[in-house]
N, C-alpha and C. Protein backbone atom coordinates (compact mmCIF):
# COMPACT_ATOMS: atom_id res chain seq x y z
N MET A 1 -77.55 -8.29 74.26
CA MET A 1 -76.72 -8.63 73.09
C MET A 1 -76.65 -7.39 72.09
N THR A 2 -75.57 -6.76 71.82
CA THR A 2 -75.65 -5.85 70.63
C THR A 2 -75.60 -6.56 69.31
N ASP A 3 -76.56 -6.07 68.55
CA ASP A 3 -76.76 -6.92 67.26
C ASP A 3 -75.84 -6.27 66.13
N ILE A 4 -75.35 -7.25 65.32
CA ILE A 4 -74.74 -6.97 64.23
C ILE A 4 -75.24 -7.53 62.98
N PRO A 5 -74.88 -7.00 61.72
CA PRO A 5 -75.26 -7.61 60.54
C PRO A 5 -74.52 -8.93 60.28
N VAL A 6 -75.10 -9.83 59.54
CA VAL A 6 -74.57 -11.22 59.26
C VAL A 6 -73.23 -10.93 58.43
N GLU A 7 -73.19 -10.01 57.68
CA GLU A 7 -71.95 -9.86 56.92
C GLU A 7 -70.62 -9.66 57.66
N ARG A 8 -70.79 -9.13 59.00
CA ARG A 8 -69.67 -9.10 59.76
C ARG A 8 -69.37 -10.34 60.45
N LEU A 9 -70.12 -11.44 60.41
CA LEU A 9 -69.88 -12.62 61.10
C LEU A 9 -69.65 -13.75 60.13
N MET A 10 -70.02 -13.62 58.71
CA MET A 10 -69.98 -14.70 57.82
C MET A 10 -68.48 -14.94 57.25
N SER A 11 -68.34 -16.14 56.72
CA SER A 11 -67.07 -16.52 56.27
C SER A 11 -67.23 -16.05 54.74
N THR A 12 -66.20 -15.59 54.04
CA THR A 12 -66.13 -15.26 52.67
C THR A 12 -65.30 -16.17 51.92
N GLU A 13 -64.37 -16.79 52.55
CA GLU A 13 -63.53 -17.75 51.84
C GLU A 13 -64.33 -19.15 51.53
N LEU A 14 -65.14 -19.16 50.53
CA LEU A 14 -66.06 -20.19 50.23
C LEU A 14 -65.59 -21.32 49.52
N VAL A 15 -66.07 -22.56 49.98
CA VAL A 15 -65.64 -23.82 49.21
C VAL A 15 -66.76 -24.21 48.32
N THR A 16 -66.45 -24.07 47.03
CA THR A 16 -67.63 -24.40 46.03
C THR A 16 -67.19 -25.51 45.06
N ILE A 17 -68.16 -26.01 44.47
CA ILE A 17 -68.01 -26.99 43.37
C ILE A 17 -69.10 -26.89 42.42
N GLY A 18 -68.87 -27.24 41.08
CA GLY A 18 -69.87 -27.21 40.11
C GLY A 18 -70.87 -28.41 40.40
N SER A 19 -72.19 -28.09 39.92
CA SER A 19 -73.18 -29.16 40.17
C SER A 19 -72.95 -30.54 39.53
N GLY A 20 -72.16 -30.45 38.43
CA GLY A 20 -71.99 -31.74 37.67
C GLY A 20 -70.61 -32.49 38.23
N ALA A 21 -69.95 -31.97 39.23
CA ALA A 21 -68.79 -32.38 39.77
C ALA A 21 -69.24 -33.93 40.40
N ALA A 22 -68.12 -34.72 40.40
CA ALA A 22 -68.38 -36.17 41.04
C ALA A 22 -68.42 -35.91 42.52
N ALA A 23 -69.14 -36.77 43.21
CA ALA A 23 -69.20 -36.81 44.74
C ALA A 23 -67.60 -36.97 45.36
N ALA A 24 -66.88 -37.91 44.60
CA ALA A 24 -65.60 -37.99 45.11
C ALA A 24 -64.79 -36.77 45.07
N ASP A 25 -65.04 -35.94 44.08
CA ASP A 25 -64.38 -34.63 43.97
C ASP A 25 -64.73 -33.74 45.06
N ALA A 26 -66.03 -33.58 45.51
CA ALA A 26 -66.55 -32.80 46.67
C ALA A 26 -66.01 -33.43 48.01
N ALA A 27 -65.93 -34.62 48.11
CA ALA A 27 -65.57 -35.13 49.43
C ALA A 27 -64.01 -34.71 49.42
N GLU A 28 -63.23 -34.84 48.33
CA GLU A 28 -61.75 -34.49 48.35
C GLU A 28 -61.58 -32.97 48.77
N ARG A 29 -62.46 -32.13 48.09
CA ARG A 29 -62.31 -30.72 48.52
C ARG A 29 -62.78 -30.54 50.02
N MET A 30 -63.65 -31.17 50.56
CA MET A 30 -64.05 -30.84 51.93
C MET A 30 -62.85 -31.48 52.79
N LEU A 31 -62.26 -32.60 52.50
CA LEU A 31 -60.95 -33.14 53.15
C LEU A 31 -59.76 -31.96 53.06
N GLU A 32 -59.61 -31.60 51.76
CA GLU A 32 -58.44 -30.73 51.72
C GLU A 32 -58.61 -29.47 52.42
N THR A 33 -59.68 -28.86 52.48
CA THR A 33 -59.97 -27.66 53.16
C THR A 33 -60.52 -27.59 54.51
N GLY A 34 -60.74 -28.82 55.02
CA GLY A 34 -61.32 -28.97 56.38
C GLY A 34 -62.56 -28.38 56.72
N VAL A 35 -63.46 -28.32 55.74
CA VAL A 35 -64.81 -27.77 55.91
C VAL A 35 -65.84 -28.89 56.08
N SER A 36 -66.96 -28.63 56.67
CA SER A 36 -68.06 -29.65 56.72
C SER A 36 -69.21 -29.54 55.75
N SER A 37 -68.93 -28.52 54.96
CA SER A 37 -70.08 -28.43 53.80
C SER A 37 -69.50 -27.64 52.60
N VAL A 38 -70.02 -27.94 51.54
CA VAL A 38 -69.54 -27.37 50.26
C VAL A 38 -70.76 -26.83 49.59
N LEU A 39 -70.61 -25.59 49.06
CA LEU A 39 -71.60 -24.71 48.32
C LEU A 39 -71.57 -25.38 46.91
N VAL A 40 -72.70 -25.71 46.31
CA VAL A 40 -72.80 -26.25 44.94
C VAL A 40 -73.37 -24.85 44.05
N VAL A 41 -72.54 -24.64 42.98
CA VAL A 41 -72.94 -23.46 42.22
C VAL A 41 -73.20 -23.95 40.75
N ASP A 42 -74.05 -23.16 40.18
CA ASP A 42 -74.45 -23.49 38.72
C ASP A 42 -73.30 -22.79 37.86
N ASP A 43 -73.54 -22.81 36.66
CA ASP A 43 -72.51 -22.31 35.55
C ASP A 43 -72.31 -20.83 35.65
N ASP A 44 -73.27 -20.02 36.28
CA ASP A 44 -73.26 -18.71 36.50
C ASP A 44 -72.82 -18.27 37.78
N GLY A 45 -72.49 -19.34 38.59
CA GLY A 45 -72.00 -19.01 39.98
C GLY A 45 -72.95 -18.74 40.97
N ARG A 46 -74.11 -19.03 40.65
CA ARG A 46 -75.23 -18.86 41.63
C ARG A 46 -75.43 -20.24 42.51
N LEU A 47 -75.79 -19.96 43.65
CA LEU A 47 -76.11 -21.02 44.47
C LEU A 47 -77.25 -22.04 43.88
N ALA A 48 -76.83 -23.38 43.88
CA ALA A 48 -77.74 -24.40 43.43
C ALA A 48 -77.88 -25.44 44.36
N GLY A 49 -77.07 -25.62 45.31
CA GLY A 49 -77.20 -26.48 46.42
C GLY A 49 -76.29 -26.49 47.46
N LEU A 50 -76.29 -27.45 48.35
CA LEU A 50 -75.47 -27.50 49.46
C LEU A 50 -75.01 -28.94 49.97
N ILE A 51 -73.97 -29.37 50.10
CA ILE A 51 -73.56 -30.64 50.47
C ILE A 51 -72.73 -30.58 51.76
N THR A 52 -73.47 -31.41 52.71
CA THR A 52 -72.93 -31.54 54.07
C THR A 52 -72.24 -32.86 54.46
N ALA A 53 -71.66 -32.90 55.37
CA ALA A 53 -70.96 -34.14 55.94
C ALA A 53 -72.06 -35.21 55.92
N THR A 54 -73.30 -34.84 56.48
CA THR A 54 -74.23 -35.70 56.70
C THR A 54 -74.86 -36.25 55.34
N ASP A 55 -74.85 -35.45 54.30
CA ASP A 55 -75.25 -35.88 53.00
C ASP A 55 -74.24 -37.00 52.42
N PHE A 56 -72.87 -36.82 52.66
CA PHE A 56 -72.00 -37.98 52.38
C PHE A 56 -72.17 -39.27 53.04
N VAL A 57 -72.50 -39.15 54.43
CA VAL A 57 -73.04 -40.36 55.06
C VAL A 57 -74.08 -41.16 54.56
N SER A 58 -75.11 -40.36 54.11
CA SER A 58 -76.27 -40.92 53.31
C SER A 58 -75.79 -41.56 52.02
N LEU A 59 -75.03 -40.83 51.30
CA LEU A 59 -74.49 -41.23 50.15
C LEU A 59 -73.73 -42.85 50.10
N VAL A 60 -72.79 -42.70 51.16
CA VAL A 60 -71.94 -43.87 51.28
C VAL A 60 -72.92 -45.09 51.66
N ARG A 61 -73.99 -44.79 52.63
CA ARG A 61 -74.86 -45.73 52.91
C ARG A 61 -75.65 -46.49 51.78
N ARG A 62 -75.84 -45.62 50.74
CA ARG A 62 -76.61 -46.04 49.62
C ARG A 62 -75.64 -46.63 48.52
N ASN A 63 -74.40 -46.15 48.35
CA ASN A 63 -73.69 -46.31 47.16
C ASN A 63 -72.28 -46.85 47.49
N ASP A 64 -71.54 -47.17 46.57
CA ASP A 64 -70.11 -47.40 46.51
C ASP A 64 -69.52 -45.87 46.70
N PRO A 65 -68.64 -45.52 47.70
CA PRO A 65 -68.10 -44.32 47.86
C PRO A 65 -67.11 -43.87 46.57
N GLU A 66 -66.72 -44.67 45.94
CA GLU A 66 -65.92 -44.43 44.62
C GLU A 66 -66.71 -44.33 43.45
N ASP A 67 -68.02 -44.34 43.50
CA ASP A 67 -68.90 -44.25 42.23
C ASP A 67 -68.78 -42.69 41.65
N GLU A 68 -69.30 -42.49 40.52
CA GLU A 68 -69.21 -41.28 39.78
C GLU A 68 -70.59 -40.49 40.03
N THR A 69 -71.36 -40.66 41.06
CA THR A 69 -72.56 -39.99 41.25
C THR A 69 -72.20 -38.38 41.25
N PRO A 70 -72.97 -37.73 40.44
CA PRO A 70 -72.72 -36.18 40.43
C PRO A 70 -73.36 -35.68 41.86
N VAL A 71 -72.67 -34.60 42.20
CA VAL A 71 -73.25 -33.91 43.40
C VAL A 71 -74.63 -33.42 43.38
N GLU A 72 -74.96 -33.09 42.11
CA GLU A 72 -76.42 -32.63 41.97
C GLU A 72 -77.42 -33.66 42.30
N ALA A 73 -77.02 -34.93 42.27
CA ALA A 73 -77.89 -36.17 42.63
C ALA A 73 -78.25 -36.22 44.19
N PHE A 74 -77.38 -35.67 44.98
CA PHE A 74 -77.73 -35.90 46.42
C PHE A 74 -77.52 -34.51 47.24
N MET A 75 -77.35 -33.47 46.57
CA MET A 75 -77.22 -32.12 47.37
C MET A 75 -78.56 -31.73 47.80
N THR A 76 -78.60 -30.88 48.85
CA THR A 76 -79.69 -30.42 49.30
C THR A 76 -80.24 -29.24 48.40
N THR A 77 -81.32 -29.17 47.97
CA THR A 77 -81.69 -28.03 47.15
C THR A 77 -82.61 -27.10 47.65
N GLU A 78 -83.41 -27.48 48.72
CA GLU A 78 -84.28 -26.48 49.41
C GLU A 78 -83.35 -25.89 50.55
N ILE A 79 -82.69 -24.74 50.30
CA ILE A 79 -81.77 -24.19 51.20
C ILE A 79 -82.27 -22.89 51.64
N ALA A 80 -82.16 -22.83 53.04
CA ALA A 80 -82.51 -21.37 53.66
C ALA A 80 -81.27 -20.58 53.44
N THR A 81 -81.49 -19.29 53.05
CA THR A 81 -80.33 -18.43 52.85
C THR A 81 -80.64 -17.33 53.71
N VAL A 82 -79.61 -16.48 54.09
CA VAL A 82 -79.77 -15.16 54.62
C VAL A 82 -79.10 -14.05 53.73
N SER A 83 -79.33 -12.76 54.16
CA SER A 83 -78.86 -11.79 53.40
C SER A 83 -77.59 -11.19 54.26
N PRO A 84 -76.87 -10.51 53.66
CA PRO A 84 -75.57 -9.82 54.41
C PRO A 84 -76.13 -8.80 55.64
N ASP A 85 -77.29 -8.30 55.26
CA ASP A 85 -77.86 -7.26 56.16
C ASP A 85 -78.80 -7.77 57.11
N ASP A 86 -79.02 -9.12 57.10
CA ASP A 86 -79.94 -9.71 58.09
C ASP A 86 -79.19 -9.52 59.43
N SER A 87 -80.02 -9.79 60.46
CA SER A 87 -79.51 -9.49 61.92
C SER A 87 -79.03 -10.84 62.50
N VAL A 88 -77.82 -10.78 62.96
CA VAL A 88 -77.24 -12.04 63.76
C VAL A 88 -78.19 -12.54 64.81
N GLU A 89 -78.79 -11.44 65.42
CA GLU A 89 -79.81 -11.76 66.50
C GLU A 89 -80.88 -12.72 66.11
N GLU A 90 -81.38 -12.52 64.79
CA GLU A 90 -82.40 -13.31 64.32
C GLU A 90 -81.88 -14.79 63.95
N LEU A 91 -80.46 -14.92 63.68
CA LEU A 91 -79.84 -16.26 63.46
C LEU A 91 -79.88 -17.12 64.85
N ALA A 92 -79.75 -16.30 65.95
CA ALA A 92 -79.58 -16.94 67.15
C ALA A 92 -80.88 -17.50 67.59
N GLU A 93 -82.02 -17.08 67.03
CA GLU A 93 -83.31 -17.62 67.39
C GLU A 93 -83.38 -19.22 66.95
N PRO A 94 -83.69 -20.04 67.91
CA PRO A 94 -83.87 -21.62 67.51
C PRO A 94 -84.96 -21.86 66.46
N THR A 95 -84.56 -22.80 65.59
CA THR A 95 -85.51 -23.13 64.51
C THR A 95 -85.68 -24.75 64.67
N ASP A 96 -86.79 -25.13 64.06
CA ASP A 96 -87.17 -26.52 64.00
C ASP A 96 -86.30 -27.21 62.96
N GLU A 97 -85.70 -26.42 62.00
CA GLU A 97 -85.18 -27.09 60.89
C GLU A 97 -83.53 -27.58 61.28
N GLY A 98 -83.02 -26.92 62.29
CA GLY A 98 -81.76 -27.53 62.68
C GLY A 98 -80.56 -27.21 61.70
N TYR A 99 -80.53 -26.03 61.05
CA TYR A 99 -79.56 -25.55 60.20
C TYR A 99 -78.22 -25.50 60.86
N THR A 100 -77.25 -25.95 60.27
CA THR A 100 -75.78 -25.74 60.70
C THR A 100 -74.97 -24.77 59.89
N HIS A 101 -75.55 -24.54 58.60
CA HIS A 101 -74.80 -23.83 57.53
C HIS A 101 -75.94 -22.92 56.93
N LEU A 102 -75.53 -21.76 56.85
CA LEU A 102 -76.64 -20.74 56.01
C LEU A 102 -75.79 -19.93 55.10
N PRO A 103 -76.08 -20.27 53.70
CA PRO A 103 -75.40 -19.44 52.71
C PRO A 103 -75.86 -18.03 52.67
N VAL A 104 -75.12 -16.99 52.55
CA VAL A 104 -75.41 -15.65 52.53
C VAL A 104 -75.37 -15.38 50.99
N VAL A 105 -76.66 -14.69 50.62
CA VAL A 105 -76.64 -14.36 49.15
C VAL A 105 -77.17 -12.71 49.19
N ASP A 106 -76.69 -12.05 48.13
CA ASP A 106 -76.93 -10.63 48.12
C ASP A 106 -78.37 -10.45 47.28
N ALA A 107 -78.63 -9.34 47.02
CA ALA A 107 -80.20 -9.06 46.40
C ALA A 107 -80.18 -9.67 44.96
N GLU A 108 -78.97 -9.77 44.30
CA GLU A 108 -79.15 -10.41 43.02
C GLU A 108 -78.87 -12.02 43.15
N SER A 109 -79.03 -12.55 44.20
CA SER A 109 -79.00 -13.98 44.54
C SER A 109 -77.46 -14.40 44.20
N GLN A 110 -76.45 -13.57 44.36
CA GLN A 110 -75.13 -13.99 44.30
C GLN A 110 -74.62 -14.63 45.56
N LEU A 111 -73.92 -15.44 45.48
CA LEU A 111 -73.37 -16.23 46.77
C LEU A 111 -72.16 -15.17 47.17
N VAL A 112 -72.24 -14.72 48.50
CA VAL A 112 -71.21 -13.73 49.03
C VAL A 112 -70.62 -14.21 50.37
N GLY A 113 -71.16 -15.34 51.09
CA GLY A 113 -70.54 -15.89 52.20
C GLY A 113 -71.22 -17.06 52.76
N MET A 114 -70.90 -17.33 53.95
CA MET A 114 -71.56 -18.51 54.64
C MET A 114 -71.35 -18.28 55.99
N VAL A 115 -72.47 -18.56 56.88
CA VAL A 115 -72.52 -18.38 58.14
C VAL A 115 -72.87 -19.77 58.96
N SER A 116 -72.07 -20.19 59.78
CA SER A 116 -72.31 -21.53 60.43
C SER A 116 -72.62 -21.34 61.86
N THR A 117 -72.94 -22.47 62.45
CA THR A 117 -73.21 -22.45 63.97
C THR A 117 -72.01 -22.19 64.71
N THR A 118 -70.82 -22.59 64.06
CA THR A 118 -69.60 -22.33 64.76
C THR A 118 -69.35 -20.82 64.81
N ASP A 119 -69.60 -20.16 63.64
CA ASP A 119 -69.47 -18.77 63.65
C ASP A 119 -70.32 -17.98 64.54
N LEU A 120 -71.56 -18.45 64.70
CA LEU A 120 -72.48 -17.77 65.61
C LEU A 120 -72.21 -18.16 67.15
N THR A 121 -71.62 -19.35 67.34
CA THR A 121 -71.24 -19.66 68.77
C THR A 121 -70.09 -18.79 69.08
N ALA A 122 -69.07 -18.56 68.26
CA ALA A 122 -67.97 -17.81 68.61
C ALA A 122 -68.33 -16.49 68.76
N TYR A 123 -69.26 -15.91 68.07
CA TYR A 123 -69.72 -14.41 68.28
C TYR A 123 -70.34 -14.35 69.59
N LEU A 124 -71.46 -15.20 69.94
CA LEU A 124 -72.31 -15.18 71.13
C LEU A 124 -71.23 -15.45 72.35
N SER A 125 -70.35 -16.32 72.28
CA SER A 125 -69.56 -16.51 73.43
C SER A 125 -68.63 -15.30 73.76
N GLY A 126 -68.38 -14.45 72.76
CA GLY A 126 -67.52 -13.22 72.89
C GLY A 126 -68.37 -12.14 73.49
N GLN A 127 -69.75 -12.31 73.41
CA GLN A 127 -70.52 -11.15 73.86
C GLN A 127 -70.87 -11.38 75.35
N ARG A 128 -70.60 -12.55 76.08
CA ARG A 128 -70.84 -12.81 77.25
C ARG A 128 -69.85 -12.14 78.40
């Protein structure tokens, strides 16, 4: 497999929401855009968390889906990230964590993209 940097594979049209936004607003954004995760950003636009469809399943299980729970109350905050210069070959290595989405941040911790298992699968299938 010829290796390429993450920046050639990542998505740059990011779906983001502020950390104080209501869960219902995050769910609406996910439905409108057809994505399975939303990046949560702070007031400076830096990555603060990640909300996935799995997080919503957990929220609905615990709460009324129409409640005003802010996304920061249930977002994942311990997030693995990658750099645009990281190797896609490294991403293809299996991990115990089971990540399906990896935010891409630059040297200043600014959010620049997102790479998903869908992106990786599409790339790898084109290499065969």
